[in-house]
Amino acid sequence: MFKENPEEFILNATKLINEQKATTVVEHLTYDALNDKHDNSLFTNSAERLSRDNLGDKLNKHVFDYVGTDSKVERRFVEELDISSEVVVYSKLPRGFSIPTPVGNYNPDWAIAFDKDKVKHVYFVAETKGAMQTLELKGIENTKIECAKRFFSELNKKIDSNLVEYDIADSYESLIRLVN
């Protein structure tokens, strides 16, 4: 590849090296809980201008009447969350809600509160992906997800064991399997 296109070879090699460095850092990553708190202005101050194209119908269980989605997978996820008897309330997390990682800040997609009498995990933070196979996720994205798993694991140790569950779901059905 170097002979055919040296520039592309260098870019790809650099990307792979950086991904491997990040993986090594993540293996030794720890998070320390702080007493910092955020109020609900995190949701209102970072309100984005939304296009009517990706808003869908008026919602019942979301913290706002409408939510912008980034993909068809997310739109279907919203539709199913909104009619679920197990879901009490949910929110698309704003861009201002982020977890610091060695490869850049990471923004999970959803915060979901379930009816405690119907599921095992009441509070859930989810990342929605159309492809669940690790190889199909981009290297950096996979690294950020691993950091988020460590972040929420540490959060649970400091607050209350397994209070907030975090995982990846490709559909509402896979989310329900995770919380039960």
N, C-alpha and C. Protein backbone atom coordinates (compact mmCIF):
# COMPACT_ATOMS: atom_id res chain seq x y z
N MET A 1 0.83 -1.19 0.00
CA MET A 1 0.00 0.00 0.00
C MET A 1 0.88 1.26 0.00
N PHE A 2 2.03 1.17 0.66
CA PHE A 2 2.92 2.33 0.71
C PHE A 2 3.36 2.74 -0.69
N LYS A 3 3.68 1.74 -1.55
CA LYS A 3 4.13 2.04 -2.91
C LYS A 3 3.03 2.68 -3.74
N GLU A 4 1.79 2.23 -3.55
CA GLU A 4 0.67 2.73 -4.35
C GLU A 4 0.22 4.12 -3.92
N ASN A 5 0.16 4.37 -2.61
CA ASN A 5 -0.34 5.65 -2.13
C ASN A 5 0.28 5.95 -0.76
N PRO A 6 1.48 6.55 -0.75
CA PRO A 6 2.19 6.79 0.52
C PRO A 6 1.39 7.66 1.50
N GLU A 7 0.67 8.67 1.00
CA GLU A 7 -0.08 9.57 1.89
C GLU A 7 -1.19 8.82 2.62
N GLU A 8 -1.93 7.99 1.86
CA GLU A 8 -3.00 7.23 2.50
C GLU A 8 -2.43 6.20 3.48
N PHE A 9 -1.32 5.60 3.12
CA PHE A 9 -0.67 4.64 4.01
C PHE A 9 -0.29 5.31 5.33
N ILE A 10 0.30 6.49 5.25
CA ILE A 10 0.71 7.21 6.46
C ILE A 10 -0.50 7.58 7.30
N LEU A 11 -1.58 8.07 6.66
CA LEU A 11 -2.80 8.42 7.39
C LEU A 11 -3.40 7.20 8.09
N ASN A 12 -3.49 6.09 7.38
CA ASN A 12 -4.06 4.87 7.97
C ASN A 12 -3.17 4.31 9.07
N ALA A 13 -1.86 4.33 8.86
CA ALA A 13 -0.94 3.84 9.88
C ALA A 13 -1.02 4.70 11.14
N THR A 14 -1.09 6.01 10.96
CA THR A 14 -1.21 6.93 12.09
C THR A 14 -2.50 6.67 12.87
N LYS A 15 -3.59 6.47 12.13
CA LYS A 15 -4.88 6.19 12.77
C LYS A 15 -4.80 4.90 13.59
N LEU A 16 -4.25 3.85 13.02
CA LEU A 16 -4.12 2.58 13.75
C LEU A 16 -3.23 2.71 14.98
N ILE A 17 -2.14 3.43 14.86
CA ILE A 17 -1.23 3.63 16.01
C ILE A 17 -1.95 4.38 17.12
N ASN A 18 -2.67 5.45 16.75
CA ASN A 18 -3.40 6.24 17.75
C ASN A 18 -4.50 5.42 18.41
N GLU A 19 -5.19 4.57 17.64
CA GLU A 19 -6.21 3.72 18.22
C GLU A 19 -5.60 2.73 19.21
N GLN A 20 -4.45 2.17 18.89
CA GLN A 20 -3.78 1.23 19.79
C GLN A 20 -3.28 1.93 21.05
N LYS A 21 -2.76 3.16 20.89
CA LYS A 21 -2.35 3.93 22.07
C LYS A 21 -3.54 4.17 22.98
N ALA A 22 -4.68 4.55 22.38
CA ALA A 22 -5.88 4.82 23.17
C ALA A 22 -6.34 3.56 23.88
N THR A 23 -6.28 2.42 23.21
CA THR A 23 -6.68 1.16 23.83
C THR A 23 -5.81 0.85 25.04
N THR A 24 -4.51 1.10 24.91
CA THR A 24 -3.58 0.86 26.02
C THR A 24 -3.91 1.78 27.19
N VAL A 25 -4.20 3.04 26.90
CA VAL A 25 -4.56 3.99 27.95
C VAL A 25 -5.84 3.56 28.64
N VAL A 26 -6.84 3.13 27.87
CA VAL A 26 -8.13 2.74 28.42
C VAL A 26 -7.99 1.54 29.36
N GLU A 27 -7.08 0.64 29.06
CA GLU A 27 -6.88 -0.53 29.92
C GLU A 27 -6.50 -0.13 31.34
N HIS A 28 -5.89 1.02 31.51
CA HIS A 28 -5.45 1.47 32.84
C HIS A 28 -6.24 2.69 33.32
N LEU A 29 -7.34 2.98 32.67
CA LEU A 29 -8.14 4.15 32.97
C LEU A 29 -8.97 3.95 34.23
N THR A 30 -9.01 4.98 35.08
CA THR A 30 -9.91 4.98 36.23
C THR A 30 -10.60 6.34 36.29
N TYR A 31 -11.78 6.35 36.85
CA TYR A 31 -12.52 7.59 37.07
C TYR A 31 -12.69 7.78 38.57
N ASP A 32 -12.60 9.02 38.99
CA ASP A 32 -12.84 9.36 40.38
C ASP A 32 -14.12 10.17 40.47
N ALA A 33 -15.00 9.77 41.35
CA ALA A 33 -16.26 10.48 41.53
C ALA A 33 -16.01 11.80 42.25
N LEU A 34 -16.67 12.84 41.78
CA LEU A 34 -16.60 14.16 42.40
C LEU A 34 -17.99 14.49 42.95
N ASN A 35 -18.05 15.53 43.71
CA ASN A 35 -19.34 15.96 44.24
C ASN A 35 -20.02 17.00 43.37
N ASP A 36 -19.54 17.18 42.13
CA ASP A 36 -20.14 18.14 41.22
C ASP A 36 -21.55 17.70 40.86
N LYS A 37 -22.43 18.67 40.68
CA LYS A 37 -23.80 18.39 40.27
C LYS A 37 -24.16 19.34 39.14
N HIS A 38 -25.09 18.91 38.32
CA HIS A 38 -25.59 19.73 37.23
C HIS A 38 -27.09 19.87 37.39
N ASP A 39 -27.60 21.05 37.12
CA ASP A 39 -29.05 21.20 37.19
C ASP A 39 -29.64 20.96 35.80
N ASN A 40 -30.94 21.14 35.68
CA ASN A 40 -31.61 20.84 34.43
C ASN A 40 -31.31 21.84 33.31
N SER A 41 -30.55 22.90 33.59
CA SER A 41 -30.19 23.85 32.54
C SER A 41 -29.31 23.18 31.49
N LEU A 42 -28.69 22.07 31.84
CA LEU A 42 -27.91 21.30 30.86
C LEU A 42 -28.78 20.93 29.67
N PHE A 43 -30.05 20.65 29.92
CA PHE A 43 -30.95 20.26 28.85
C PHE A 43 -31.50 21.47 28.10
N THR A 44 -31.72 22.57 28.79
CA THR A 44 -32.34 23.72 28.13
C THR A 44 -31.32 24.67 27.51
N ASN A 45 -30.15 24.83 28.12
CA ASN A 45 -29.14 25.75 27.58
C ASN A 45 -28.51 25.25 26.30
N SER A 46 -28.46 23.95 26.14
CA SER A 46 -27.81 23.41 24.95
C SER A 46 -28.83 22.98 23.90
N ALA A 47 -30.04 23.52 23.98
CA ALA A 47 -31.05 23.15 23.00
C ALA A 47 -30.56 23.50 21.60
N GLU A 48 -30.65 22.53 20.75
CA GLU A 48 -30.16 22.69 19.40
C GLU A 48 -31.30 23.08 18.48
N ARG A 49 -30.95 23.72 17.38
CA ARG A 49 -31.96 24.00 16.36
C ARG A 49 -32.23 22.68 15.64
N LEU A 50 -33.47 22.29 15.66
CA LEU A 50 -33.83 21.00 15.08
C LEU A 50 -34.58 21.20 13.78
N SER A 51 -34.29 20.37 12.83
CA SER A 51 -34.98 20.38 11.56
C SER A 51 -36.29 19.62 11.70
N ARG A 52 -37.33 20.09 11.09
CA ARG A 52 -38.63 19.42 11.16
C ARG A 52 -38.55 18.01 10.57
N ASP A 53 -37.58 17.78 9.71
CA ASP A 53 -37.43 16.49 9.03
C ASP A 53 -37.14 15.35 10.00
N ASN A 54 -36.41 15.62 11.08
CA ASN A 54 -36.02 14.52 11.96
C ASN A 54 -36.71 14.55 13.32
N LEU A 55 -37.80 15.32 13.45
CA LEU A 55 -38.48 15.42 14.74
C LEU A 55 -39.53 14.34 14.97
N GLY A 56 -40.23 13.93 13.95
CA GLY A 56 -41.28 12.92 14.13
C GLY A 56 -42.51 13.51 14.78
N ASP A 57 -43.34 12.63 15.35
CA ASP A 57 -44.59 13.03 15.98
C ASP A 57 -44.36 13.53 17.40
N LYS A 58 -45.38 14.20 17.96
CA LYS A 58 -45.32 14.66 19.34
C LYS A 58 -45.20 13.45 20.26
N LEU A 59 -44.35 13.58 21.27
CA LEU A 59 -44.05 12.47 22.18
C LEU A 59 -44.76 12.63 23.51
N ASN A 60 -44.95 11.52 24.21
CA ASN A 60 -45.63 11.53 25.51
C ASN A 60 -44.68 11.36 26.69
N LYS A 61 -43.64 10.53 26.54
CA LYS A 61 -42.78 10.18 27.67
C LYS A 61 -41.40 10.83 27.63
N HIS A 62 -41.10 11.55 26.57
CA HIS A 62 -39.81 12.24 26.48
C HIS A 62 -39.91 13.52 27.31
N VAL A 63 -38.78 14.02 27.80
CA VAL A 63 -38.80 15.24 28.61
C VAL A 63 -39.24 16.46 27.81
N PHE A 64 -39.13 16.40 26.49
CA PHE A 64 -39.65 17.44 25.60
C PHE A 64 -40.71 16.84 24.69
N ASP A 65 -41.49 17.69 24.05
CA ASP A 65 -42.55 17.20 23.15
C ASP A 65 -42.00 16.55 21.89
N TYR A 66 -40.81 16.99 21.46
CA TYR A 66 -40.20 16.48 20.23
C TYR A 66 -38.73 16.20 20.49
N VAL A 67 -38.17 15.30 19.71
CA VAL A 67 -36.75 15.00 19.84
C VAL A 67 -36.17 14.80 18.44
N GLY A 68 -35.00 15.35 18.23
CA GLY A 68 -34.28 15.12 16.98
C GLY A 68 -33.50 13.82 17.08
N THR A 69 -33.49 13.06 16.02
CA THR A 69 -32.75 11.81 16.00
C THR A 69 -31.70 11.86 14.89
N ASP A 70 -30.66 11.03 15.08
CA ASP A 70 -29.54 11.02 14.15
C ASP A 70 -29.64 9.92 13.10
N SER A 71 -30.58 8.99 13.27
CA SER A 71 -30.65 7.87 12.33
C SER A 71 -32.03 7.23 12.39
N LYS A 72 -32.28 6.33 11.45
CA LYS A 72 -33.53 5.57 11.45
C LYS A 72 -33.60 4.65 12.66
N VAL A 73 -32.45 4.14 13.08
CA VAL A 73 -32.40 3.27 14.27
C VAL A 73 -32.88 4.06 15.49
N GLU A 74 -32.39 5.29 15.65
CA GLU A 74 -32.81 6.13 16.78
C GLU A 74 -34.29 6.49 16.68
N ARG A 75 -34.78 6.81 15.49
CA ARG A 75 -36.19 7.18 15.33
C ARG A 75 -37.09 6.02 15.74
N ARG A 76 -36.77 4.82 15.31
CA ARG A 76 -37.57 3.64 15.68
C ARG A 76 -37.47 3.40 17.18
N PHE A 77 -36.29 3.60 17.75
CA PHE A 77 -36.07 3.45 19.20
C PHE A 77 -36.99 4.40 19.97
N VAL A 78 -37.05 5.66 19.55
CA VAL A 78 -37.91 6.67 20.20
C VAL A 78 -39.37 6.24 20.12
N GLU A 79 -39.79 5.81 18.96
CA GLU A 79 -41.20 5.41 18.80
C GLU A 79 -41.56 4.28 19.75
N GLU A 80 -40.65 3.33 19.92
CA GLU A 80 -40.94 2.21 20.80
C GLU A 80 -40.83 2.58 22.28
N LEU A 81 -39.88 3.45 22.63
CA LEU A 81 -39.78 3.93 24.01
C LEU A 81 -41.07 4.65 24.42
N ASP A 82 -41.59 5.45 23.50
CA ASP A 82 -42.73 6.31 23.80
C ASP A 82 -44.02 5.54 24.04
N ILE A 83 -44.13 4.33 23.52
CA ILE A 83 -45.36 3.55 23.73
C ILE A 83 -45.16 2.41 24.72
N SER A 84 -43.96 2.27 25.24
CA SER A 84 -43.66 1.18 26.15
C SER A 84 -44.32 1.36 27.51
N SER A 85 -44.89 0.28 28.03
CA SER A 85 -45.48 0.35 29.37
C SER A 85 -44.40 0.29 30.45
N GLU A 86 -43.20 -0.20 30.11
CA GLU A 86 -42.10 -0.29 31.08
C GLU A 86 -41.40 1.05 31.31
N VAL A 87 -41.46 1.95 30.32
CA VAL A 87 -40.74 3.23 30.38
C VAL A 87 -41.60 4.28 31.06
N VAL A 88 -41.00 4.98 32.04
CA VAL A 88 -41.69 6.08 32.72
C VAL A 88 -41.37 7.39 32.02
N VAL A 89 -40.07 7.63 31.80
CA VAL A 89 -39.63 8.86 31.13
C VAL A 89 -38.26 8.58 30.49
N TYR A 90 -37.96 9.31 29.41
CA TYR A 90 -36.66 9.16 28.76
C TYR A 90 -36.25 10.48 28.13
N SER A 91 -34.97 10.57 27.81
CA SER A 91 -34.46 11.78 27.19
C SER A 91 -33.29 11.46 26.28
N LYS A 92 -33.24 12.13 25.17
CA LYS A 92 -32.04 12.12 24.33
C LYS A 92 -31.07 13.04 25.06
N LEU A 93 -29.90 12.54 25.40
CA LEU A 93 -28.96 13.35 26.17
C LEU A 93 -28.36 14.45 25.29
N PRO A 94 -28.30 15.66 25.81
CA PRO A 94 -27.78 16.79 25.01
C PRO A 94 -26.27 16.67 24.82
N ARG A 95 -25.77 17.36 23.82
CA ARG A 95 -24.33 17.35 23.53
C ARG A 95 -23.50 17.82 24.72
N GLY A 96 -24.09 18.64 25.58
CA GLY A 96 -23.37 19.13 26.76
C GLY A 96 -23.12 18.06 27.81
N PHE A 97 -23.86 16.95 27.73
CA PHE A 97 -23.65 15.85 28.66
C PHE A 97 -22.59 14.94 28.05
N SER A 98 -21.41 14.98 28.61
CA SER A 98 -20.34 14.17 28.03
C SER A 98 -19.47 13.56 29.12
N ILE A 99 -18.83 12.47 28.74
CA ILE A 99 -17.91 11.76 29.62
C ILE A 99 -16.51 11.98 29.06
N PRO A 100 -15.58 12.49 29.85
CA PRO A 100 -14.22 12.69 29.32
C PRO A 100 -13.53 11.34 29.11
N THR A 101 -12.88 11.19 27.96
CA THR A 101 -12.12 9.98 27.67
C THR A 101 -10.76 10.39 27.11
N PRO A 102 -9.80 9.51 27.08
CA PRO A 102 -8.48 9.85 26.52
C PRO A 102 -8.51 10.15 25.02
N VAL A 103 -9.60 9.77 24.34
CA VAL A 103 -9.67 10.00 22.89
C VAL A 103 -10.74 11.04 22.54
N GLY A 104 -11.11 11.86 23.50
CA GLY A 104 -12.12 12.90 23.28
C GLY A 104 -13.37 12.62 24.08
N ASN A 105 -14.18 13.64 24.26
CA ASN A 105 -15.41 13.48 25.03
C ASN A 105 -16.38 12.55 24.33
N TYR A 106 -17.15 11.83 25.14
CA TYR A 106 -18.12 10.87 24.63
C TYR A 106 -19.50 11.25 25.10
N ASN A 107 -20.46 11.25 24.20
CA ASN A 107 -21.84 11.60 24.51
C ASN A 107 -22.75 10.39 24.34
N PRO A 108 -23.19 9.76 25.44
CA PRO A 108 -24.17 8.67 25.30
C PRO A 108 -25.46 9.22 24.69
N ASP A 109 -26.28 8.35 24.14
CA ASP A 109 -27.48 8.80 23.43
C ASP A 109 -28.68 9.06 24.33
N TRP A 110 -28.96 8.15 25.27
CA TRP A 110 -30.24 8.19 25.97
C TRP A 110 -30.11 7.98 27.47
N ALA A 111 -31.00 8.63 28.22
CA ALA A 111 -31.21 8.34 29.64
C ALA A 111 -32.66 7.88 29.75
N ILE A 112 -32.86 6.74 30.41
CA ILE A 112 -34.19 6.13 30.46
C ILE A 112 -34.49 5.71 31.89
N ALA A 113 -35.67 6.05 32.36
CA ALA A 113 -36.14 5.59 33.68
C ALA A 113 -37.30 4.63 33.44
N PHE A 114 -37.18 3.46 34.03
CA PHE A 114 -38.20 2.41 33.88
C PHE A 114 -39.06 2.29 35.12
N ASP A 115 -40.20 1.68 34.95
CA ASP A 115 -41.09 1.35 36.07
C ASP A 115 -40.38 0.28 36.91
N LYS A 116 -40.11 0.59 38.15
CA LYS A 116 -39.32 -0.31 39.01
C LYS A 116 -40.00 -1.65 39.25
N ASP A 117 -41.30 -1.72 39.07
CA ASP A 117 -42.01 -2.98 39.28
C ASP A 117 -41.98 -3.89 38.05
N LYS A 118 -41.48 -3.36 36.92
CA LYS A 118 -41.52 -4.14 35.68
C LYS A 118 -40.15 -4.56 35.15
N VAL A 119 -39.09 -3.92 35.64
CA VAL A 119 -37.75 -4.26 35.15
C VAL A 119 -36.76 -4.34 36.30
N LYS A 120 -35.60 -4.92 36.01
CA LYS A 120 -34.56 -5.08 37.02
C LYS A 120 -33.78 -3.78 37.24
N HIS A 121 -33.42 -3.09 36.16
CA HIS A 121 -32.65 -1.84 36.26
C HIS A 121 -33.56 -0.65 36.00
N VAL A 122 -33.68 0.23 36.96
CA VAL A 122 -34.60 1.36 36.82
C VAL A 122 -33.99 2.48 35.99
N TYR A 123 -32.72 2.82 36.23
CA TYR A 123 -32.08 3.91 35.50
C TYR A 123 -31.10 3.34 34.51
N PHE A 124 -31.22 3.75 33.26
CA PHE A 124 -30.41 3.15 32.21
C PHE A 124 -29.91 4.24 31.27
N VAL A 125 -28.65 4.18 30.93
CA VAL A 125 -28.08 5.06 29.92
C VAL A 125 -27.73 4.18 28.74
N ALA A 126 -28.22 4.54 27.56
CA ALA A 126 -28.05 3.68 26.40
C ALA A 126 -27.36 4.39 25.26
N GLU A 127 -26.63 3.62 24.52
CA GLU A 127 -26.03 4.03 23.25
C GLU A 127 -26.75 3.21 22.19
N THR A 128 -27.35 3.86 21.21
CA THR A 128 -28.04 3.12 20.15
C THR A 128 -27.14 3.01 18.93
N LYS A 129 -26.97 1.80 18.49
CA LYS A 129 -26.15 1.51 17.32
C LYS A 129 -26.90 0.55 16.43
N GLY A 130 -26.82 0.76 15.13
CA GLY A 130 -27.44 -0.14 14.17
C GLY A 130 -26.67 -1.44 14.06
N ALA A 131 -25.36 -1.41 14.31
CA ALA A 131 -24.52 -2.61 14.23
C ALA A 131 -23.95 -2.90 15.60
N MET A 132 -24.16 -4.10 16.07
CA MET A 132 -23.71 -4.44 17.41
C MET A 132 -22.34 -5.10 17.43
N GLN A 133 -21.88 -5.61 16.29
CA GLN A 133 -20.60 -6.28 16.27
C GLN A 133 -19.49 -5.27 16.51
N THR A 134 -18.54 -5.61 17.39
CA THR A 134 -17.43 -4.73 17.72
C THR A 134 -16.66 -4.31 16.49
N LEU A 135 -16.46 -5.23 15.56
CA LEU A 135 -15.68 -4.91 14.38
C LEU A 135 -16.35 -3.87 13.50
N GLU A 136 -17.67 -3.75 13.61
CA GLU A 136 -18.37 -2.78 12.80
C GLU A 136 -18.36 -1.39 13.43
N LEU A 137 -18.04 -1.27 14.70
CA LEU A 137 -17.91 0.03 15.34
C LEU A 137 -16.54 0.59 15.02
N LYS A 138 -16.46 1.89 14.81
CA LYS A 138 -15.17 2.52 14.57
C LYS A 138 -14.29 2.37 15.80
N GLY A 139 -12.97 2.26 15.59
CA GLY A 139 -12.04 2.04 16.68
C GLY A 139 -12.17 3.04 17.81
N ILE A 140 -12.17 4.32 17.48
CA ILE A 140 -12.26 5.37 18.50
C ILE A 140 -13.61 5.31 19.19
N GLU A 141 -14.66 5.08 18.44
CA GLU A 141 -16.00 4.99 19.02
C GLU A 141 -16.07 3.83 20.01
N ASN A 142 -15.50 2.70 19.66
CA ASN A 142 -15.48 1.55 20.55
C ASN A 142 -14.69 1.87 21.82
N THR A 143 -13.58 2.60 21.67
CA THR A 143 -12.77 3.00 22.82
C THR A 143 -13.58 3.91 23.75
N LYS A 144 -14.31 4.85 23.19
CA LYS A 144 -15.14 5.75 24.01
C LYS A 144 -16.22 4.97 24.75
N ILE A 145 -16.79 3.98 24.11
CA ILE A 145 -17.82 3.16 24.75
C ILE A 145 -17.23 2.36 25.91
N GLU A 146 -16.03 1.84 25.73
CA GLU A 146 -15.36 1.12 26.82
C GLU A 146 -15.09 2.06 28.00
N CYS A 147 -14.70 3.30 27.70
CA CYS A 147 -14.49 4.30 28.76
C CYS A 147 -15.80 4.58 29.49
N ALA A 148 -16.90 4.69 28.75
CA ALA A 148 -18.20 4.95 29.37
C ALA A 148 -18.58 3.80 30.30
N LYS A 149 -18.29 2.57 29.91
CA LYS A 149 -18.59 1.42 30.77
C LYS A 149 -17.82 1.54 32.09
N ARG A 150 -16.56 1.95 32.01
CA ARG A 150 -15.77 2.13 33.23
C ARG A 150 -16.32 3.30 34.06
N PHE A 151 -16.72 4.37 33.39
CA PHE A 151 -17.27 5.55 34.06
C PHE A 151 -18.50 5.16 34.88
N PHE A 152 -19.46 4.47 34.25
CA PHE A 152 -20.69 4.11 34.96
C PHE A 152 -20.45 3.04 36.01
N SER A 153 -19.49 2.19 35.79
CA SER A 153 -19.11 1.21 36.81
C SER A 153 -18.60 1.92 38.07
N GLU A 154 -17.75 2.93 37.87
CA GLU A 154 -17.23 3.70 39.00
C GLU A 154 -18.34 4.50 39.67
N LEU A 155 -19.24 5.06 38.86
CA LEU A 155 -20.38 5.80 39.40
C LEU A 155 -21.21 4.90 40.30
N ASN A 156 -21.46 3.69 39.88
CA ASN A 156 -22.23 2.74 40.69
C ASN A 156 -21.53 2.39 41.99
N LYS A 157 -20.21 2.31 41.96
CA LYS A 157 -19.46 2.02 43.20
C LYS A 157 -19.61 3.16 44.20
N LYS A 158 -19.65 4.39 43.73
CA LYS A 158 -19.71 5.55 44.61
C LYS A 158 -21.12 5.85 45.10
N ILE A 159 -22.12 5.57 44.30
CA ILE A 159 -23.49 5.92 44.66
C ILE A 159 -24.20 4.74 45.30
N ASP A 160 -24.48 3.75 44.49
CA ASP A 160 -25.23 2.59 44.94
C ASP A 160 -25.04 1.53 43.86
N SER A 161 -24.72 0.34 44.25
CA SER A 161 -24.38 -0.67 43.25
C SER A 161 -25.51 -0.87 42.24
N ASN A 162 -25.13 -0.83 40.99
CA ASN A 162 -26.04 -1.07 39.86
C ASN A 162 -27.23 -0.13 39.81
N LEU A 163 -27.07 1.09 40.31
CA LEU A 163 -28.16 2.06 40.22
C LEU A 163 -28.36 2.51 38.77
N VAL A 164 -27.25 2.79 38.07
CA VAL A 164 -27.32 3.23 36.68
C VAL A 164 -26.63 2.19 35.81
N GLU A 165 -27.38 1.62 34.92
CA GLU A 165 -26.85 0.62 33.99
C GLU A 165 -26.52 1.33 32.68
N TYR A 166 -25.42 0.93 32.04
CA TYR A 166 -25.03 1.49 30.74
C TYR A 166 -24.71 0.35 29.80
N ASP A 167 -25.23 0.43 28.58
CA ASP A 167 -24.90 -0.57 27.58
C ASP A 167 -25.33 -0.08 26.20
N ILE A 168 -25.05 -0.91 25.20
CA ILE A 168 -25.39 -0.59 23.81
C ILE A 168 -26.61 -1.41 23.42
N ALA A 169 -27.53 -0.77 22.71
CA ALA A 169 -28.72 -1.48 22.22
C ALA A 169 -28.91 -1.12 20.75
N ASP A 170 -29.31 -2.10 19.96
CA ASP A 170 -29.59 -1.81 18.55
C ASP A 170 -31.09 -1.73 18.28
N SER A 171 -31.90 -1.99 19.33
CA SER A 171 -33.35 -1.90 19.20
C SER A 171 -33.95 -1.84 20.61
N TYR A 172 -35.24 -1.55 20.64
CA TYR A 172 -35.95 -1.54 21.92
C TYR A 172 -35.95 -2.94 22.52
N GLU A 173 -36.10 -3.96 21.69
CA GLU A 173 -36.11 -5.35 22.17
C GLU A 173 -34.80 -5.70 22.87
N SER A 174 -33.68 -5.30 22.28
CA SER A 174 -32.39 -5.61 22.92
C SER A 174 -32.23 -4.81 24.22
N LEU A 175 -32.78 -3.61 24.29
CA LEU A 175 -32.75 -2.83 25.53
C LEU A 175 -33.52 -3.55 26.63
N ILE A 176 -34.69 -4.03 26.31
CA ILE A 176 -35.50 -4.74 27.31
C ILE A 176 -34.78 -5.99 27.81
N ARG A 177 -34.10 -6.70 26.91
CA ARG A 177 -33.32 -7.87 27.34
C ARG A 177 -32.22 -7.43 28.31
N LEU A 178 -31.62 -6.28 28.07
CA LEU A 178 -30.54 -5.80 28.95
C LEU A 178 -31.04 -5.39 30.33
N VAL A 179 -32.20 -4.78 30.41
CA VAL A 179 -32.69 -4.31 31.71
C VAL A 179 -33.38 -5.40 32.51
N ASN A 180 -33.69 -6.51 31.89
CA ASN A 180 -34.28 -7.63 32.61
C ASN A 180 -33.22 -8.63 32.85
